[in-house]
Each structure stands twice: as structure tokens, then as C-alpha cells.
N, C-alpha and C. Protein backbone atom coordinates (compact mmCIF):
# COMPACT_ATOMS: atom_id res chain seq x y z
N MET A 1 67.07 9.99 92.78
CA MET A 1 67.88 9.09 92.23
C MET A 1 69.02 8.65 93.07
N LYS A 2 69.83 7.79 93.14
CA LYS A 2 70.76 6.91 94.11
C LYS A 2 71.92 6.94 92.70
N ASN A 3 72.90 7.30 93.24
CA ASN A 3 74.24 7.13 92.70
C ASN A 3 75.29 6.25 92.91
N LYS A 4 75.16 5.34 92.22
CA LYS A 4 75.72 4.18 92.35
C LYS A 4 76.67 3.76 92.11
N ILE A 5 78.09 3.74 92.77
CA ILE A 5 79.50 3.73 92.17
C ILE A 5 80.03 2.35 92.70
N SER A 6 80.42 1.57 91.57
CA SER A 6 80.83 0.45 91.30
C SER A 6 82.22 0.04 91.74
N VAL A 7 82.57 -0.92 92.83
CA VAL A 7 84.38 -0.16 93.08
C VAL A 7 84.38 -2.02 93.07
N ASN A 8 85.46 -1.93 92.26
CA ASN A 8 86.32 -3.96 92.51
C ASN A 8 86.94 -3.80 93.92
N LEU A 9 86.69 -4.43 94.76
CA LEU A 9 87.21 -4.41 96.16
C LEU A 9 88.77 -5.32 95.90
N GLU A 10 88.30 -6.49 95.10
CA GLU A 10 89.32 -7.47 95.44
C GLU A 10 90.46 -6.78 94.21
N VAL A 11 90.26 -6.67 93.01
CA VAL A 11 91.16 -6.11 92.42
C VAL A 11 92.33 -4.76 93.13
N SER A 12 91.94 -3.99 93.85
CA SER A 12 92.01 -2.87 94.42
C SER A 12 93.47 -3.78 95.52
N LEU A 13 92.69 -4.16 96.13
CA LEU A 13 93.50 -4.71 97.02
C LEU A 13 94.97 -5.42 96.47
N VAL A 14 94.44 -6.45 95.58
CA VAL A 14 95.55 -7.47 95.31
C VAL A 14 96.54 -6.28 94.64
N GLU A 15 96.13 -5.32 93.57
CA GLU A 15 97.13 -4.31 93.19
C GLU A 15 97.86 -3.54 94.31
N ILE A 16 97.52 -3.00 95.49
CA ILE A 16 98.13 -2.25 96.57
C ILE A 16 99.04 -3.40 97.04
N ILE A 17 99.03 -4.99 97.45
CA ILE A 17 99.36 -5.80 97.68
C ILE A 17 100.93 -6.05 97.09
N ILE A 18 100.56 -6.22 95.97
CA ILE A 18 101.91 -6.62 94.76
C ILE A 18 102.76 -5.07 94.41
N SER A 19 102.09 -3.90 94.73
CA SER A 19 102.98 -2.91 94.43
C SER A 19 103.76 -2.73 95.84
N ILE A 20 102.87 -2.80 97.29
CA ILE A 20 103.71 -3.01 98.49
C ILE A 20 105.03 -3.81 98.34
N LEU A 21 104.97 -5.02 97.25
CA LEU A 21 105.94 -6.60 97.88
C LEU A 21 107.21 -5.99 96.35
N ILE A 22 106.53 -5.02 95.60
CA ILE A 22 107.70 -4.81 94.38
C ILE A 22 108.60 -3.31 95.42
N PHE A 23 107.89 -2.67 96.15
CA PHE A 23 108.44 -1.48 96.61
C PHE A 23 109.43 -2.14 98.06
N ALA A 24 108.85 -3.55 98.93
CA ALA A 24 110.22 -4.10 99.51
C ALA A 24 110.78 -4.73 99.16
N ILE A 25 110.75 -4.90 98.04
CA ILE A 25 111.92 -6.00 97.35
C ILE A 25 112.75 -4.74 96.71
N ALA A 26 112.49 -3.73 96.21
CA ALA A 26 113.50 -2.41 95.41
C ALA A 26 113.67 -2.00 97.29
N GLY A 27 113.28 -1.84 98.21
CA GLY A 27 114.20 -1.60 98.84
C GLY A 27 115.21 -2.25 99.67
N ALA A 28 114.85 -3.78 99.81
CA ALA A 28 115.69 -4.70 99.97
C ALA A 28 117.30 -4.74 99.49
N ILE A 29 116.82 -4.24 98.04
CA ILE A 29 118.04 -4.63 96.71
C ILE A 29 119.03 -3.13 96.91
N ILE A 30 118.27 -1.87 97.52
CA ILE A 30 118.93 -0.94 97.63
C ILE A 30 119.62 -0.71 98.78
N LEU A 31 118.92 -1.37 100.17
CA LEU A 31 119.98 -1.54 101.29
C LEU A 31 120.91 -2.18 101.65
N ASN A 32 121.00 -3.72 100.29
CA ASN A 32 121.95 -4.33 100.23
C ASN A 32 123.11 -3.71 99.12
N CYS A 33 122.85 -2.90 98.02
CA CYS A 33 123.88 -2.04 97.54
C CYS A 33 124.82 -1.09 98.45
N PHE A 34 123.94 -0.57 99.49
CA PHE A 34 124.51 0.43 100.40
C PHE A 34 125.40 0.18 101.03
N ALA A 35 125.13 -1.36 101.44
CA ALA A 35 126.00 -2.33 102.46
C ALA A 35 127.22 -3.09 101.57
N LEU A 36 126.75 -3.08 100.27
CA LEU A 36 128.25 -3.67 99.87
C LEU A 36 129.28 -2.43 99.29
N SER A 37 128.70 -1.20 98.96
CA SER A 37 129.35 -0.13 98.78
C SER A 37 130.16 0.25 99.91
N ARG A 38 129.56 0.10 101.34
CA ARG A 38 129.92 0.85 102.41
C ARG A 38 131.40 0.01 102.85
N PHE A 39 131.15 -1.67 102.55
CA PHE A 39 132.55 -2.34 102.93
C PHE A 39 133.45 -2.18 102.02
N THR A 40 132.94 -2.08 100.54
CA THR A 40 133.86 -2.04 99.35
C THR A 40 135.06 -0.19 99.95
N GLN A 41 134.29 0.13 100.43
CA GLN A 41 134.90 1.32 100.37
C GLN A 41 136.24 1.05 101.65
N ILE A 42 135.66 0.42 102.69
CA ILE A 42 136.44 0.13 103.87
C ILE A 42 137.62 -0.98 103.41
N LYS A 43 137.33 -1.59 102.45
CA LYS A 43 138.13 -2.46 102.31
C LYS A 43 139.53 -1.82 101.23
N ALA A 44 138.47 -0.60 100.21
CA ALA A 44 139.94 0.03 99.89
C ALA A 44 140.74 1.24 100.94
N ASN A 45 139.75 1.75 101.76
CA ASN A 45 141.06 2.16 102.91
C ASN A 45 142.02 1.30 103.28
N ASP A 46 141.35 -0.26 103.74
CA ASP A 46 142.83 -0.61 104.12
C ASP A 46 143.67 -1.01 103.42
N MET A 47 143.07 -1.06 101.91
CA MET A 47 144.34 -1.22 101.11
C MET A 47 145.44 -0.29 100.94
N ILE A 48 144.65 0.97 101.19
CA ILE A 48 145.69 2.00 101.07
C ILE A 48 146.73 2.13 102.54
N PHE A 49 146.35 1.91 103.65
CA PHE A 49 147.10 1.69 104.64
C PHE A 49 147.93 0.63 104.50
N ALA A 50 147.55 -0.60 104.01
CA ALA A 50 148.11 -1.61 103.91
C ALA A 50 149.69 -1.14 103.24
N GLY A 51 149.20 -0.83 102.09
CA GLY A 51 150.14 -0.42 101.26
C GLY A 51 151.08 0.76 101.37
N ASN A 52 150.20 1.26 102.27
CA ASN A 52 152.05 2.31 103.18
C ASN A 52 153.10 1.81 103.82
N ILE A 53 152.20 1.08 104.57
CA ILE A 53 153.24 0.29 105.41
C ILE A 53 153.73 -1.00 104.97
N VAL A 54 153.26 -1.95 103.97
CA VAL A 54 154.26 -2.41 103.19
C VAL A 54 155.46 -1.76 102.21
N GLN A 55 154.71 -0.64 101.39
CA GLN A 55 155.76 -0.16 100.41
C GLN A 55 157.13 0.65 101.62
N SER A 56 156.41 0.85 102.80
CA SER A 56 157.69 1.35 104.01
C SER A 56 158.63 0.50 104.10
N GLY A 57 157.75 -0.97 104.42
CA GLY A 57 159.02 -1.86 104.60
C GLY A 57 160.12 -2.50 103.38
N ALA A 58 159.43 -2.01 102.06
CA ALA A 58 160.14 -2.07 100.77
C ALA A 58 161.21 -1.32 100.85
N GLU A 59 160.79 -0.15 100.99
CA GLU A 59 162.12 0.87 101.11
C GLU A 59 163.39 0.75 102.41
N MET A 60 162.86 0.53 103.67
CA MET A 60 163.39 0.00 104.84
C MET A 60 164.85 -0.99 103.90
N ILE A 61 164.14 -1.70 103.44
CA ILE A 61 164.94 -2.67 103.02
C ILE A 61 165.60 -2.48 102.22
N LYS A 62 165.52 -1.70 100.99
CA LYS A 62 166.15 -1.39 100.15
C LYS A 62 167.24 -0.21 100.49
N SER A 63 167.10 0.46 101.72
CA SER A 63 168.31 1.03 102.38
C SER A 63 169.26 0.25 102.95
N PHE A 64 168.56 -0.30 103.97
CA PHE A 64 170.33 -0.85 103.97
C PHE A 64 171.42 -1.46 103.35
N ASP A 65 172.40 -1.35 104.09
CA ASP A 65 173.43 -1.87 103.37
C ASP A 65 174.20 -3.21 103.39
N ASN A 66 173.75 -4.00 104.82
CA ASN A 66 174.14 -5.67 104.56
C ASN A 66 172.95 -5.98 105.63
N MET A 67 172.53 -7.57 105.41
CA MET A 67 171.65 -8.09 106.24
C MET A 67 171.49 -7.80 107.86
N ASN A 68 172.70 -7.66 108.56
CA ASN A 68 172.55 -7.65 109.94
C ASN A 68 171.96 -6.40 110.06
N GLU A 69 172.31 -5.16 109.08
CA GLU A 69 171.58 -3.55 109.33
C GLU A 69 169.62 -4.24 109.60
N ALA A 70 169.30 -5.12 108.56
CA ALA A 70 168.01 -5.19 108.68
C ALA A 70 167.31 -5.89 109.42
N GLU A 71 168.25 -7.45 109.79
CA GLU A 71 167.95 -8.06 111.06
C GLU A 71 167.48 -7.05 112.19
N GLU A 72 168.53 -6.46 112.27
CA GLU A 72 168.68 -5.47 113.63
C GLU A 72 167.26 -4.68 113.44
N TYR A 73 167.59 -4.06 112.67
CA TYR A 73 165.90 -2.72 112.55
C TYR A 73 164.70 -3.93 112.60
N PHE A 74 164.43 -4.86 112.18
CA PHE A 74 163.43 -5.37 112.22
C PHE A 74 162.89 -6.00 113.07
N THR A 75 163.64 -6.74 113.84
CA THR A 75 163.74 -7.22 115.10
C THR A 75 163.36 -6.28 116.40
N LYS A 76 164.01 -4.77 115.83
CA LYS A 76 163.55 -3.95 117.03
C LYS A 76 162.10 -3.29 116.80
N ASN A 77 161.33 -3.02 115.53
CA ASN A 77 160.25 -2.45 115.04
C ASN A 77 159.19 -3.43 114.97
N TYR A 78 159.81 -5.25 115.20
CA TYR A 78 158.61 -5.94 114.86
C TYR A 78 158.00 -6.65 116.04
N THR A 79 156.95 -7.11 116.32
CA THR A 79 156.42 -7.95 117.48
C THR A 79 156.88 -9.35 117.11
N ASP A 80 156.58 -10.08 115.96
CA ASP A 80 157.30 -11.60 116.44
C ASP A 80 158.82 -11.92 115.06
N LYS A 81 159.37 -12.69 115.37
CA LYS A 81 160.18 -12.88 114.49
C LYS A 81 160.53 -14.55 114.66
N ASN A 82 160.34 -15.21 113.48
CA ASN A 82 160.12 -16.17 113.26
C ASN A 82 161.44 -16.63 112.08
N GLU A 83 162.65 -17.98 112.87
CA GLU A 83 163.79 -18.05 112.01
C GLU A 83 163.07 -19.04 111.25
N ALA A 84 163.88 -19.63 109.83
CA ALA A 84 163.94 -20.74 109.96
C ALA A 84 164.75 -21.34 108.89
N ILE A 85 165.70 -22.01 108.66
CA ILE A 85 166.81 -22.56 108.13
C ILE A 85 167.01 -21.82 106.80
N ASP A 86 166.21 -21.49 106.14
CA ASP A 86 166.28 -20.99 104.21
C ASP A 86 166.15 -18.80 104.47
N GLY A 87 165.73 -18.77 106.21
CA GLY A 87 165.09 -16.94 105.97
C GLY A 87 164.75 -16.38 107.34
N ILE A 88 164.44 -15.62 107.20
CA ILE A 88 163.67 -15.29 108.50
C ILE A 88 162.42 -14.76 107.94
N THR A 89 161.69 -14.12 109.16
CA THR A 89 159.91 -13.79 109.02
C THR A 89 160.11 -12.93 110.36
N PHE A 90 159.86 -11.62 109.76
CA PHE A 90 159.11 -10.50 110.75
C PHE A 90 157.92 -10.39 110.73
N ILE A 91 157.00 -10.24 111.92
CA ILE A 91 155.53 -9.95 111.63
C ILE A 91 154.97 -8.65 112.40
N ASN A 92 154.59 -8.02 112.39
CA ASN A 92 153.46 -7.38 113.66
C ASN A 92 151.81 -7.31 112.99
N TYR A 93 151.13 -7.14 114.33
CA TYR A 93 149.78 -6.93 114.43
C TYR A 93 149.27 -6.00 114.47
N TYR A 94 148.32 -5.84 114.05
CA TYR A 94 147.74 -4.20 114.19
C TYR A 94 146.17 -4.38 114.40
N ASP A 95 145.82 -3.13 115.27
CA ASP A 95 144.18 -3.85 115.17
C ASP A 95 143.39 -3.09 114.33
N LYS A 96 142.47 -2.40 114.15
CA LYS A 96 141.43 -2.05 113.46
C LYS A 96 141.77 -1.00 112.70
N ASN A 97 142.18 -0.06 114.06
CA ASN A 97 142.44 1.51 113.27
C ASN A 97 143.94 1.37 112.91
N TRP A 98 144.81 0.10 112.73
CA TRP A 98 146.12 0.01 112.24
C TRP A 98 147.22 0.58 113.28
N ASP A 99 146.99 0.58 114.21
CA ASP A 99 147.49 1.03 115.48
C ASP A 99 148.37 -0.93 115.74
N VAL A 100 149.73 -0.95 115.98
CA VAL A 100 150.42 -2.13 116.52
C VAL A 100 149.94 -2.38 117.72
N CYS A 101 149.41 -3.60 118.05
CA CYS A 101 148.95 -4.42 119.03
C CYS A 101 149.42 -5.66 119.28
N ASP A 102 149.03 -6.62 120.16
CA ASP A 102 149.34 -7.63 120.38
C ASP A 102 148.49 -8.56 119.70
N LYS A 103 149.09 -9.93 119.75
CA LYS A 103 148.23 -11.22 119.04
C LYS A 103 146.97 -11.26 119.17
N GLU A 104 146.89 -10.46 119.98
CA GLU A 104 145.08 -11.52 120.80
C GLU A 104 143.96 -10.54 120.11
N ASP A 105 144.68 -9.18 120.21
CA ASP A 105 143.89 -8.13 119.39
C ASP A 105 144.01 -7.92 118.07
N GLU A 106 144.84 -8.25 117.75
CA GLU A 106 145.29 -8.34 116.22
C GLU A 106 143.72 -8.63 114.76
N VAL A 107 143.80 -7.64 113.51
CA VAL A 107 143.11 -7.53 112.62
C VAL A 107 143.36 -7.67 111.46
N TYR A 108 144.75 -6.82 111.18
CA TYR A 108 145.62 -7.05 110.48
C TYR A 108 147.00 -7.51 110.74
N VAL A 109 147.56 -8.24 109.42
CA VAL A 109 148.86 -8.81 109.92
C VAL A 109 149.84 -8.23 108.97
N VAL A 110 150.82 -7.73 108.82
CA VAL A 110 151.94 -7.45 108.34
C VAL A 110 153.30 -8.27 108.66
N SER A 111 153.50 -8.70 107.62
CA SER A 111 154.84 -10.61 107.69
C SER A 111 155.64 -9.32 106.24
N ILE A 112 157.03 -10.02 106.82
CA ILE A 112 158.20 -9.79 106.16
C ILE A 112 159.07 -10.68 106.45
N THR A 113 159.07 -11.37 105.35
CA THR A 113 159.86 -12.42 105.00
C THR A 113 160.95 -12.18 104.14
N ILE A 114 162.28 -12.96 104.62
CA ILE A 114 163.28 -12.76 103.73
C ILE A 114 164.38 -13.95 103.81
N ALA A 115 164.44 -15.02 102.57
CA ALA A 115 165.19 -15.73 102.57
C ALA A 115 166.36 -16.08 101.53
N ASP A 116 166.84 -16.75 101.63
CA ASP A 116 168.30 -16.84 100.25
C ASP A 116 167.30 -17.25 98.82
N ALA A 117 167.98 -16.63 98.23
CA ALA A 117 167.35 -16.45 96.77
C ALA A 117 167.97 -17.86 96.30
N SER A 118 169.20 -18.80 96.55
CA SER A 118 169.76 -19.38 95.50
C SER A 118 170.72 -20.34 97.05
N ILE A 119 171.20 -21.39 96.54
CA ILE A 119 171.89 -22.12 97.99
C ILE A 119 173.08 -21.24 97.26
N ASN A 120 173.37 -21.36 96.14
CA ASN A 120 175.12 -21.24 96.31
C ASN A 120 175.20 -19.98 96.46
N SER A 121 174.50 -18.76 96.54
CA SER A 121 174.79 -17.43 97.10
C SER A 121 174.22 -16.76 97.92
N ARG A 122 174.58 -17.06 99.29
CA ARG A 122 173.59 -16.56 100.61
C ARG A 122 173.44 -15.09 100.60
N LYS A 123 173.89 -13.75 99.55
CA LYS A 123 173.94 -12.72 99.83
C LYS A 123 172.69 -12.21 98.81
N LEU A 124 172.21 -12.61 97.51
CA LEU A 124 170.70 -12.39 97.08
C LEU A 124 169.85 -13.06 98.11
N LYS A 125 168.66 -12.41 98.54
CA LYS A 125 167.64 -12.29 99.52
C LYS A 125 166.32 -12.35 97.88
N ASP A 126 165.79 -13.41 98.45
CA ASP A 126 163.92 -13.25 98.53
C ASP A 126 163.25 -12.65 99.40
N ILE A 127 162.60 -11.39 99.14
CA ILE A 127 161.54 -10.68 100.00
C ILE A 127 160.14 -10.95 99.50
N ASN A 128 159.41 -11.11 100.77
CA ASN A 128 158.17 -10.87 100.62
C ASN A 128 157.92 -10.19 101.07
N ILE A 129 156.89 -9.27 101.23
CA ILE A 129 155.67 -8.44 102.07
C ILE A 129 154.53 -8.49 101.76
N THR A 130 153.47 -9.04 102.92
CA THR A 130 152.37 -9.23 102.91
C THR A 130 151.54 -8.58 104.15
N ALA A 131 150.81 -7.96 103.84
CA ALA A 131 149.43 -7.41 104.45
C ALA A 131 148.61 -8.32 104.08
N GLU A 132 147.56 -8.87 105.55
CA GLU A 132 146.54 -9.49 105.26
C GLU A 132 145.18 -9.14 106.59
N LYS A 133 144.36 -9.40 106.37
CA LYS A 133 143.31 -9.16 107.07
C LYS A 133 142.81 -10.70 107.49
N SER A 134 142.70 -10.54 109.11
CA SER A 134 142.33 -12.04 109.00
C SER A 134 140.78 -12.37 109.69
N ILE A 135 140.09 -10.99 109.55
CA ILE A 135 138.17 -11.43 109.52
C ILE A 135 138.08 -10.85 108.05
N PRO A 136 137.26 -11.77 107.35
CA PRO A 136 136.52 -11.33 106.24
C PRO A 136 135.72 -9.91 106.52
N TYR A 137 135.76 -9.16 105.12
CA TYR A 137 134.64 -8.53 104.96
C TYR A 137 133.35 -8.53 104.83
N PRO A 138 132.13 -8.46 105.58
CA PRO A 138 130.38 -8.64 105.27
C PRO A 138 130.34 -8.42 103.47
N PHE A 139 129.69 -8.95 103.19
CA PHE A 139 129.25 -9.14 101.91
C PHE A 139 130.09 -9.09 101.10
N ILE A 140 131.66 -8.86 100.97
CA ILE A 140 132.56 -8.92 100.20
C ILE A 140 133.22 -10.75 100.14
N ASP A 141 133.63 -10.42 101.20
CA ASP A 141 134.62 -12.10 101.36
C ASP A 141 133.64 -13.23 101.52
N LYS A 142 132.86 -13.69 100.94
CA LYS A 142 131.67 -14.66 101.47
C LYS A 142 132.77 -16.49 101.45
N GLY A 143 132.61 -17.27 102.61
CA GLY A 143 133.74 -18.30 102.85
C GLY A 143 135.10 -17.92 102.81
N THR A 144 135.52 -16.61 102.47
CA THR A 144 137.02 -17.08 102.61
C THR A 144 137.40 -16.02 103.70
N GLY A 145 138.61 -16.85 104.37
CA GLY A 145 138.93 -16.18 106.23
C GLY A 145 139.95 -15.08 105.46
N ILE A 146 141.44 -15.16 105.13
CA ILE A 146 142.36 -14.17 105.39
C ILE A 146 142.43 -13.71 103.69
N THR A 147 141.97 -12.25 104.28
CA THR A 147 142.41 -11.58 102.61
C THR A 147 143.54 -10.75 102.47
N THR A 148 144.26 -11.10 101.55
CA THR A 148 145.35 -10.04 101.19
C THR A 148 145.31 -8.89 100.50
N LEU A 149 145.50 -8.47 101.02
CA LEU A 149 145.38 -7.14 101.22
C LEU A 149 146.28 -6.57 100.10
N TYR A 150 147.84 -6.19 100.73
CA TYR A 150 148.91 -6.04 99.10
C TYR A 150 150.38 -6.93 99.74
N GLU A 151 151.37 -7.24 98.72
CA GLU A 151 151.89 -8.32 98.62
C GLU A 151 152.78 -7.21 97.48
N ILE A 152 154.06 -7.12 98.14
CA ILE A 152 155.73 -7.23 97.25
C ILE A 152 156.25 -8.37 97.34
N ASN A 153 156.38 -9.07 96.38
CA ASN A 153 157.73 -9.63 95.98
C ASN A 153 158.59 -9.40 95.35
N THR A 154 160.16 -9.24 96.28
CA THR A 154 161.18 -8.94 95.38
C THR A 154 162.82 -9.48 96.10
N LYS A 155 163.96 -9.05 95.25
CA LYS A 155 165.00 -9.52 95.52
C LYS A 155 165.96 -8.41 95.70
N LYS A 156 167.03 -8.70 96.31
CA LYS A 156 167.86 -7.86 96.88
C LYS A 156 169.57 -8.39 97.38
N PHE A 157 170.04 -7.72 96.95
CA PHE A 157 171.37 -8.67 97.13
C PHE A 157 172.16 -7.73 98.15
N PHE A 158 172.66 -8.38 99.32
CA PHE A 158 173.24 -7.27 100.71
C PHE A 158 174.93 -8.04 100.28
N SER A 159 175.83 -7.24 100.38
CA SER A 159 177.13 -7.62 100.49
C SER A 159 177.64 -7.37 101.86
N ASP A 160 178.56 -8.22 101.97
CA ASP A 160 179.01 -8.18 103.34
C ASP A 160 179.45 -6.95 104.23
N SER A 161 180.05 -6.15 102.83
CA SER A 161 180.95 -5.33 103.65
C SER A 161 180.23 -3.92 103.46
N GLY A 162 178.82 -3.85 102.91
CA GLY A 162 178.29 -2.95 102.65
C GLY A 162 178.05 -2.43 101.39
N ARG A 163 177.68 -0.79 101.16
CA ARG A 163 177.86 -0.19 100.37
C ARG A 163 179.45 0.33 100.28
N ARG A 164 180.36 0.70 98.65
CA ARG A 164 181.21 1.04 99.00
C ARG A 164 181.27 2.54 98.47
């Protein structure tokens, strides 16, 4: 007596191919999720560094008695200075490790703009402090060039004679 086992090879082969495809698709989705979470973590860390630098600049401006002190400090501690009719912009460039660098090596840019708030009073100043990343984050910032990480807009009244 012969034992005959009938195996349908076509069905088994199709089932194997379908299961391999399902695992390949699931693997691709999981890898995409890991990559997305990694770059989200990097962006969150960058926002913390940017927040520290921007808030430090805002605290420095708050501590100055007059505009001359502010201009002297930021001219000494910032890389670039752009003067316009209505205000001044101070710019610092940072590399990927948040160390101050030249414009050619920059990944992050922190700019402080101090402008006149009104034409009538040259003592009230609009202050805008912004930290931006010039290279987009992979998987997160699709189609955008510059990403604003942190921004503070405020006003300050500078007296001519300083504090009394």
C-alpha cells in the first residue's frame, strides 16, 4: 500500500509570496516610523537649544538701560550687523553642534532685530528674536527651506539717561 499525500503546491507558493509581501510592507512602515521619530526628536532638541539662545538674548535686552548698551553688547557678541533706516539686525551663525561659526558653515541662524516701534517715539523699540534652521529636517519638513525653531516678539522702552 502506498501512502499518497496530496499537496497543492500552487496554493502554498501563493500564500508564501503574500506573507512575504505583507512582512515587507510592515517592515517598510516600521522603518519609516523609526526615522520619523528620530528626526522629530532631533527637531525637539534643536528647539530646546534655540529657545535657550533666544531667551538669553531677550533677557540681555531686558537688562540694558539704554539702546547704546544693547548695540555695544550685540556688536561685540554677534557675527553680522545690518543697519536699516528703522532698525538694526544682529545675526549669529551656528553649526550643527550649536557652536558659533562662519556664514559658510552655518546650519542655524539666530537674528535679533531692534526697530523703532513708532515714528513719534524713538525710545520705544520693537524687538524680534528668531532662531531658524536653514536645512530642512528629513521626513518632517518636506518642501520647506527654512524652519523657524523659536521666535520672540516684544517691545522695550529705552530711556536716554538709563535707569534712575
